[in-house]
């Protein structure tokens, strides 16, 4: 979110063609971080679900 906001505000701070280049760079970084975050979320969700299964098995063995 920081890079997205920074990309939007660079154009207001700096006049010229350099601002457009930095704007696009910050938008790309923002998009890449969003994609990496989504991938990381699904990867960790899968690991947590697998861990819950293992914890449940130990709990059942302990209760018997």
Protein backbone atom coordinates (compact mmCIF):
# COMPACT_ATOMS: atom_id res chain seq x y z
CA UNK A 1 0.00 0.00 0.00
CA UNK A 2 2.89 2.34 0.74
CA UNK A 3 4.33 1.96 -2.75
CA UNK A 4 0.92 2.48 -4.33
CA UNK A 5 0.38 5.74 -2.44
CA UNK A 6 3.95 6.82 -3.15
CA UNK A 7 3.40 6.14 -6.85
CA UNK A 8 0.31 8.32 -6.83
CA UNK A 9 1.99 11.22 -5.01
CA UNK A 10 5.30 11.32 -6.93
CA UNK A 11 3.63 13.08 -9.84
CA UNK A 12 2.47 15.89 -7.53
CA UNK A 13 5.91 16.37 -5.95
CA UNK A 14 8.15 16.30 -9.03
CA UNK A 15 7.47 17.89 -12.38
CA UNK A 16 8.83 16.29 -15.53
CA UNK A 17 9.21 12.97 -17.25
CA UNK A 18 11.28 11.47 -14.40
CA UNK A 19 8.19 11.49 -12.20
CA UNK A 20 6.33 9.23 -14.63
CA UNK A 21 9.18 6.72 -14.61
CA UNK A 22 9.26 6.59 -10.80
CA UNK A 23 5.48 6.40 -10.76
CA UNK A 24 5.47 3.28 -12.93
CA UNK A 25 8.32 1.71 -10.97
CA UNK A 26 6.45 2.18 -7.69
CA UNK A 27 3.24 0.80 -9.22
CA UNK A 28 5.12 -2.30 -10.43
CA UNK A 29 6.69 -2.82 -6.99
CA UNK A 30 3.25 -2.45 -5.43
CA UNK A 31 1.77 -5.03 -7.79
CA UNK A 32 4.62 -7.48 -7.23
CA UNK A 33 4.28 -7.19 -3.46
CA UNK A 34 0.55 -7.82 -3.76
CA UNK A 35 1.10 -10.97 -5.82
CA UNK A 36 3.82 -12.24 -3.47
CA UNK A 37 1.55 -11.57 -0.48
CA UNK A 38 -1.32 -13.53 -2.01
CA UNK A 39 0.97 -16.47 -2.83
CA UNK A 40 2.42 -16.37 0.69
CA UNK A 41 -1.09 -16.33 2.19
CA UNK A 42 -2.20 -19.47 0.35
CA UNK A 43 1.08 -21.27 1.08
CA UNK A 44 0.84 -20.53 4.81
CA UNK A 45 -2.87 -21.38 4.90
CA UNK A 46 -2.05 -24.82 3.51
CA UNK A 47 0.69 -25.36 6.11
CA UNK A 48 -1.62 -24.30 8.95
CA UNK A 49 -4.35 -26.70 7.83
CA UNK A 50 -1.80 -29.55 7.71
CA UNK A 51 -0.56 -28.64 11.20
CA UNK A 52 -4.11 -28.64 12.57
CA UNK A 53 -4.54 -32.22 11.37
CA UNK A 54 -1.38 -33.30 13.19
CA UNK A 55 -2.38 -31.51 16.38
CA UNK A 56 -5.79 -33.19 16.27
CA UNK A 57 -4.19 -36.64 15.97
CA UNK A 58 -1.97 -36.05 19.01
CA UNK A 59 -4.95 -34.78 20.99
CA UNK A 60 -6.97 -37.92 20.19
CA UNK A 61 -4.08 -40.21 21.20
CA UNK A 62 -3.65 -38.26 24.46
CA UNK A 63 -7.34 -38.50 25.37
CA UNK A 64 -7.37 -42.32 24.89
